[in-house]
C-alpha atoms as a PDB file:
ATOM      1  CA  MET A   1      -9.896  -3.028  -2.269  1.00  0.00           C
ATOM      2  CA  ASP A   2      -7.941  -4.807   0.432  1.00  0.00           C
ATOM      3  CA  ASP A   3      -4.520  -5.541  -1.021  1.00  0.00           C
ATOM      4  CA  CYS A   4      -2.625  -6.423   2.152  1.00  0.00           C
ATOM      5  CA  HIS A   5      -1.240  -9.605   0.613  1.00  0.00           C
ATOM      6  CA  GLY A   6      -0.636  -8.228  -2.886  1.00  0.00           C
ATOM      7  CA  THR A   7       1.298  -4.993  -2.448  1.00  0.00           C
ATOM      8  CA  GLY A   8       4.951  -5.535  -3.291  1.00  0.00           C
ATOM      9  CA  VAL A   9       4.269  -9.142  -4.343  1.00  0.00           C
ATOM     10  CA  LEU A  10       1.684  -9.426  -7.145  1.00  0.00           C
ATOM     11  CA  GLY A  11       1.727  -7.935 -10.613  1.00  0.00           C
ATOM     12  CA  LYS A  12       4.379  -7.530 -13.269  1.00  0.00           C
ATOM     13  CA  THR A  13       6.038  -4.770 -11.246  1.00  0.00           C
ATOM     14  CA  GLY A  14       4.830  -5.565  -7.724  1.00  0.00           C
ATOM     15  CA  ARG A  15       2.014  -3.049  -7.640  1.00  0.00           C
ATOM     16  CA  GLY A  16      -0.373  -5.590  -6.224  1.00  0.00           C
ATOM     17  CA  ALA A  17      -3.678  -7.201  -7.082  1.00  0.00           C
ATOM     18  CA  ILE A  18      -4.879  -4.187  -9.065  1.00  0.00           C
ATOM     19  CA  GLU A  19      -1.983  -4.562 -11.495  1.00  0.00           C
ATOM     20  CA  HIS A  20      -2.189  -8.365 -11.435  1.00  0.00           C
ATOM     21  CA  CYS A  21      -5.883  -8.331 -12.398  1.00  0.00           C
ATOM     22  CA  GLY A  22      -5.540  -5.501 -14.925  1.00  0.00           C
ATOM     23  CA  VAL A  23      -7.833  -3.123 -13.049  1.00  0.00           C
ATOM     24  CA  ASP A  24      -7.447   0.621 -13.607  1.00  0.00           C
ATOM     25  CA  ILE A  25      -6.447   2.291 -10.314  1.00  0.00           C
ATOM     26  CA  ASN A  26      -9.005   5.046 -11.057  1.00  0.00           C
ATOM     27  CA  ASP A  27     -11.779   2.441 -10.862  1.00  0.00           C
ATOM     28  CA  VAL A  28     -10.887   1.544  -7.261  1.00  0.00           C
ATOM     29  CA  GLY A  29     -12.660   3.629  -4.627  1.00  0.00           C
ATOM     30  CA  LEU A  30     -10.280   2.832  -1.758  1.00  0.00           C
ATOM     31  CA  LEU A  31      -7.027   0.935  -1.620  1.00  0.00           C
ATOM     32  CA  ILE A  32      -6.118  -0.519   1.761  1.00  0.00           C
ATOM     33  CA  SER A  33      -2.799  -2.216   2.372  1.00  0.00           C
ATOM     34  CA  THR A  34      -0.161  -2.921   4.966  1.00  0.00           C
ATOM     35  CA  LEU A  35       3.486  -2.073   5.405  1.00  0.00           C
ATOM     36  CA  SER A  36       4.164  -5.262   7.337  1.00  0.00           C
ATOM     37  CA  LYS A  37       4.150  -7.869   4.570  1.00  0.00           C
ATOM     38  CA  GLY A  38       5.406  -7.284   1.014  1.00  0.00           C
ATOM     39  CA  LEU A  39       7.016  -3.931   1.773  1.00  0.00           C
ATOM     40  CA  GLY A  40       9.754  -4.745   4.197  1.00  0.00           C
ATOM     41  CA  GLY A  41       8.102  -6.062   7.305  1.00  0.00           C
ATOM     42  CA  GLY A  42       7.606  -2.665   8.910  1.00  0.00           C
ATOM     43  CA  GLY A  43       4.363  -1.920  10.681  1.00  0.00           C
ATOM     44  CA  GLY A  44       1.130  -0.112  10.130  1.00  0.00           C
ATOM     45  CA  GLY A  45      -0.634   0.378   6.868  1.00  0.00           C
ATOM     46  CA  TYR A  46      -2.401   2.869   4.687  1.00  0.00           C
ATOM     47  CA  VAL A  47      -5.654   3.793   3.006  1.00  0.00           C
ATOM     48  CA  ALA A  48      -5.473   5.562  -0.352  1.00  0.00           C
ATOM     49  CA  GLY A  49      -8.353   7.158  -2.193  1.00  0.00           C
ATOM     50  CA  LYS A  50      -9.956  10.376  -3.289  1.00  0.00           C
ATOM     51  CA  TYR A  51      -9.312  13.394  -1.072  1.00  0.00           C
ATOM     52  CA  GLU A  52     -12.930  13.744   0.018  1.00  0.00           C
ATOM     53  CA  VAL A  53     -13.150  10.110   1.132  1.00  0.00           C
ATOM     54  CA  ILE A  54      -9.867  10.226   3.044  1.00  0.00           C
ATOM     55  CA  LYS A  55     -10.897  13.494   4.717  1.00  0.00           C
ATOM     56  CA  TYR A  56     -14.188  11.895   5.770  1.00  0.00           C
ATOM     57  CA  LEU A  57     -12.375   8.860   7.191  1.00  0.00           C
ATOM     58  CA  ASN A  58      -9.963  11.100   9.103  1.00  0.00           C
ATOM     59  CA  GLN A  59     -12.838  12.976  10.711  1.00  0.00           C
ATOM     60  CA  ARG A  60     -15.279  10.131  11.361  1.00  0.00           C
ATOM     61  CA  SER A  61     -13.295   6.953  12.055  1.00  0.00           C
ATOM     62  CA  ARG A  62     -13.196   6.426  15.814  1.00  0.00           C
ATOM     63  CA  SER A  63     -10.245   4.043  15.640  1.00  0.00           C
ATOM     64  CA  TYR A  64      -8.244   6.611  13.659  1.00  0.00           C
ATOM     65  CA  ILE A  65      -9.014   9.504  15.994  1.00  0.00           C
ATOM     66  CA  PHE A  66      -7.094   7.921  18.873  1.00  0.00           C
ATOM     67  CA  SER A  67      -4.278   6.409  16.833  1.00  0.00           C
ATOM     68  CA  SER A  68      -0.805   7.761  16.374  1.00  0.00           C
ATOM     69  CA  THR A  69       1.137   8.404  13.230  1.00  0.00           C
ATOM     70  CA  LEU A  70       3.691   5.959  11.870  1.00  0.00           C
ATOM     71  CA  GLY A  71       7.220   6.487  13.091  1.00  0.00           C
ATOM     72  CA  PRO A  72       9.981   7.815  10.820  1.00  0.00           C
ATOM     73  CA  PRO A  73      11.833   4.449  10.693  1.00  0.00           C
ATOM     74  CA  VAL A  74       8.692   2.665   9.424  1.00  0.00           C
ATOM     75  CA  ILE A  75       8.106   5.308   6.766  1.00  0.00           C
ATOM     76  CA  ALA A  76      11.775   5.255   5.720  1.00  0.00           C
ATOM     77  CA  SER A  77      11.682   1.463   5.439  1.00  0.00           C
ATOM     78  CA  ALA A  78       8.524   1.528   3.300  1.00  0.00           C
ATOM     79  CA  ARG A  79       9.969   4.224   1.040  1.00  0.00           C
ATOM     80  CA  TYR A  80      13.149   2.222   0.578  1.00  0.00           C
ATOM     81  CA  CYS A  81      11.183  -0.934  -0.258  1.00  0.00           C
ATOM     82  CA  ILE A  82       9.015   0.902  -2.797  1.00  0.00           C
ATOM     83  CA  LYS A  83      12.135   2.344  -4.414  1.00  0.00           C
ATOM     84  CA  TYR A  84      13.768  -1.094  -4.453  1.00  0.00           C
ATOM     85  CA  VAL A  85      10.728  -2.722  -6.051  1.00  0.00           C
ATOM     86  CA  ASN A  86      10.638   0.006  -8.718  1.00  0.00           C
ATOM     87  CA  GLU A  87      14.347  -0.409  -9.479  1.00  0.00           C
ATOM     88  CA  HIS A  88      14.316  -4.243  -9.597  1.00  0.00           C
ATOM     89  CA  PRO A  89      11.510  -5.383 -11.912  1.00  0.00           C
ATOM     90  CA  GLU A  90      13.383  -8.639 -12.489  1.00  0.00           C
ATOM     91  CA  MET A  91      12.133  -9.785  -9.071  1.00  0.00           C
ATOM     92  CA  PHE A  92       8.720 -10.320 -10.631  1.00  0.00           C
ATOM     93  CA  GLU A  93       9.759 -12.256 -13.707  1.00  0.00           C
ATOM     94  CA  ALA A  94       8.415 -15.797 -13.826  1.00  0.00           C
ATOM     95  CA  HIS A  95      11.089 -18.461 -13.458  1.00  0.00           C
END
């Protein structure tokens, strides 16, 4: 599932389209999202899924093989934003 526009924005607690649509996270094979939109305007993104699938992607994805890891400031920003979203559920209340 591509949730680049839902993470940190949709759902009762900002957990994205999966939460918004009532889908069980265990029923999603891969979750792809970005760190440059709803989570603080950093950069980069992520793919989440079962270990075997992620391991396969790491080994076989040509674009990943020559990429570099995210920098510490981007990761720190994303972690802060996730913490903030978790601590401020009122942001998602309908007005």
